[in-house]
Amino acid sequence: MEFIPRVGSWAQAELWTLRLDEFDAPGWWDDELAESTQRKLEALIRQHIVADGRDELSGGWWVIGGNAKIERVCGNAKVERVCDHAKVATVSGSATIEKVCGSAKIDRVRGNAKIVRVCGNAEIGRVCGNVEIGLVCSNAKIGLVYGDAKIGPVYGDAKIGWVFDCAKIEQVFDNTKIERVFGNAKIRLVFGDAKIERVEGNVKIERVCSDAKIEQVYDNAKIGWVFDDAKLERVCSDAKIEQVYDNAEIARVRGEAKIVKDCR
């Protein structure tokens, strides 16, 4: 037996559906028992749905939805969804959020908190500390990523403002846009139609390919391989590009910046 929500109805217990795991229902399972079980499970789920204002959720299992306003999600709290128009001020401690979606907003995520997926039109203001985010996609937005924060793939039409300190991003692709990457931040792979406006400081990017574009590369920033139809518009200061292949374009190289190996 399983009790699962319909798509988009995590915060509405009355829209959850009761299903039997078996193809043929046993003889003792009748309509009366099914209705009774449905009501009991709805009541149980309602105890874990938050759609109002709370100061703190510090443990347990939750769904945050509707127009909920939560000041703190912390401790060992486990949140299956932050959805609809819910707002959370701070996520910290060892809290875990499975998915942030809809038009939900989180101001700050810090500590050792984890978020598996950020999608839809969700917005997060700041991600810092040792936070881990599995993936960011759709039209999701993140303002600042810093500290030792780690983010997996970022794709779709996602947008990130600044990435700095020792923050790491695994992959950036599709139509993702990042405004500025600086400090000791690292990005492993930039591809698709992804765009980064400015890279500076001691940033390291391993590969830039497909039709990806970086507008400015400054300071001691290092980029490993640039290939396919990728484009770097300006490379200045002491920035270094290790290898350039295929139809990749480096429009302007200024100052002490250099391309170590040009194989075009």
Foldseek 3Di string as FASTA:
>chain_A
DDWAADVPCLQPLLRIDDDDPDPDDDPVDDPVNRVVVSVVVSVVSNVAEAQDEDAEDADDEHEYEHAYEYAEYEHAYEYAENEYAYEYEEYEYAYEYAEYEHAYEYAEYEYAYEYAEYEHAYEYEEYEYAYEYNEYEAAYEYEEYEHAYEYEEYEHAYEYEEYEHAYEYEEYEYDYEYEEYEYAYEYAEYEHQYEYEEYEYAYEYEEYEHAYEYAEYDYAYEYEEYEHAYEYAEYEDCYEYAEYDYNYYYNYYYYNYDYNYYDD
